[in-house]
């Protein structure tokens, strides 16, 4: 929120049209099971904390079985700062 900028500035009609298209695409993807079950974005009742909890559960399960665990984490906080506005 400290460096929030809109990606695009759309007129009101375009925002309504975008919402209608998004709603239809979302409904189609849920009915067709296009998104994998571990995809947490673009889903209702799914949030970042839930994704972190599932990841920690899998890591602790692997460590209990004495399996080597590794991780790669990327900070995308300033990802849109390099986009030409």
Protein backbone atom coordinates (compact mmCIF):
# COMPACT_ATOMS: atom_id res chain seq x y z
CA UNK A 1 0.00 0.00 0.00
CA UNK A 2 2.98 2.32 0.49
CA UNK A 3 3.62 2.53 -3.24
CA UNK A 4 0.20 1.72 -4.72
CA UNK A 5 -0.53 2.78 -8.28
CA UNK A 6 -3.33 1.63 -10.52
CA UNK A 7 -2.16 -0.44 -13.45
CA UNK A 8 -4.71 1.22 -15.73
CA UNK A 9 -7.17 4.10 -15.63
CA UNK A 10 -10.44 2.99 -17.21
CA UNK A 11 -13.72 4.83 -17.80
CA UNK A 12 -16.76 3.59 -15.84
CA UNK A 13 -18.26 1.63 -18.74
CA UNK A 14 -14.99 -0.22 -19.30
CA UNK A 15 -14.80 -1.11 -15.59
CA UNK A 16 -18.30 -2.61 -15.73
CA UNK A 17 -17.43 -4.54 -18.90
CA UNK A 18 -14.20 -5.77 -17.31
CA UNK A 19 -16.14 -6.99 -14.25
CA UNK A 20 -18.66 -8.85 -16.45
CA UNK A 21 -15.90 -10.54 -18.44
CA UNK A 22 -13.98 -11.44 -15.27
CA UNK A 23 -17.12 -12.92 -13.68
CA UNK A 24 -17.77 -15.10 -16.74
CA UNK A 25 -14.16 -16.24 -16.98
CA UNK A 26 -14.09 -17.02 -13.25
CA UNK A 27 -17.32 -19.02 -13.46
CA UNK A 28 -16.03 -20.95 -16.48
CA UNK A 29 -12.69 -21.73 -14.81
CA UNK A 30 -14.44 -23.00 -11.66
CA UNK A 31 -16.90 -25.17 -13.63
CA UNK A 32 -14.17 -26.59 -15.88
CA UNK A 33 -11.61 -27.07 -13.06
CA UNK A 34 -8.97 -25.22 -15.08
CA UNK A 35 -7.08 -23.90 -12.06
CA UNK A 36 -5.14 -26.42 -9.95
CA UNK A 37 -6.36 -26.93 -6.38
CA UNK A 38 -3.21 -25.30 -4.97
CA UNK A 39 -3.75 -22.09 -6.97
CA UNK A 40 -4.80 -19.56 -4.32
CA UNK A 41 -5.19 -16.42 -6.38
CA UNK A 42 -8.41 -15.70 -8.27
CA UNK A 43 -10.47 -17.97 -5.97
CA UNK A 44 -13.12 -17.27 -3.39
CA UNK A 45 -12.35 -18.24 0.22
CA UNK A 46 -8.66 -18.59 -0.53
CA UNK A 47 -6.07 -16.22 0.84
CA UNK A 48 -2.32 -15.85 1.31
CA UNK A 49 -2.36 -17.11 4.89
CA UNK A 50 -4.01 -20.34 3.74
CA UNK A 51 -1.31 -20.87 1.10
CA UNK A 52 1.41 -20.26 3.71
CA UNK A 53 -0.27 -22.67 6.14
CA UNK A 54 -0.43 -25.42 3.49
CA UNK A 55 3.22 -24.84 2.58
CA UNK A 56 4.34 -25.00 6.23
CA UNK A 57 2.31 -28.17 6.74
CA UNK A 58 4.04 -29.84 3.76
CA UNK A 59 7.49 -28.70 4.93
CA UNK A 60 6.98 -29.94 8.49
CA UNK A 61 5.63 -33.26 7.17
CA UNK A 62 8.74 -33.69 4.99
CA UNK A 63 11.07 -32.79 7.87
CA UNK A 64 9.32 -35.33 10.12
CA UNK A 65 10.06 -37.98 7.46
CA UNK A 66 13.71 -36.78 7.37
CA UNK A 67 13.47 -35.55 3.78
CA UNK A 68 15.67 -32.66 2.63
CA UNK A 69 13.57 -29.55 2.04
CA UNK A 70 14.56 -26.46 0.06
CA UNK A 71 12.78 -23.25 -0.81
CA UNK A 72 13.02 -20.38 -3.25
CA UNK A 73 11.28 -17.16 -2.25
CA UNK A 74 10.93 -14.05 -4.42
CA UNK A 75 9.95 -10.61 -3.17
CA UNK A 76 7.77 -8.98 -5.83
CA UNK A 77 6.89 -5.90 -3.75
CA UNK A 78 8.32 -3.48 -6.31
CA UNK A 79 7.63 -5.56 -9.42
CA UNK A 80 5.51 -2.89 -11.12
CA UNK A 81 8.04 -0.11 -10.53
CA UNK A 82 9.82 -1.11 -13.73
CA UNK A 83 6.62 -0.99 -15.86
CA UNK A 84 6.48 1.93 -18.28
CA UNK A 85 3.31 3.84 -17.36
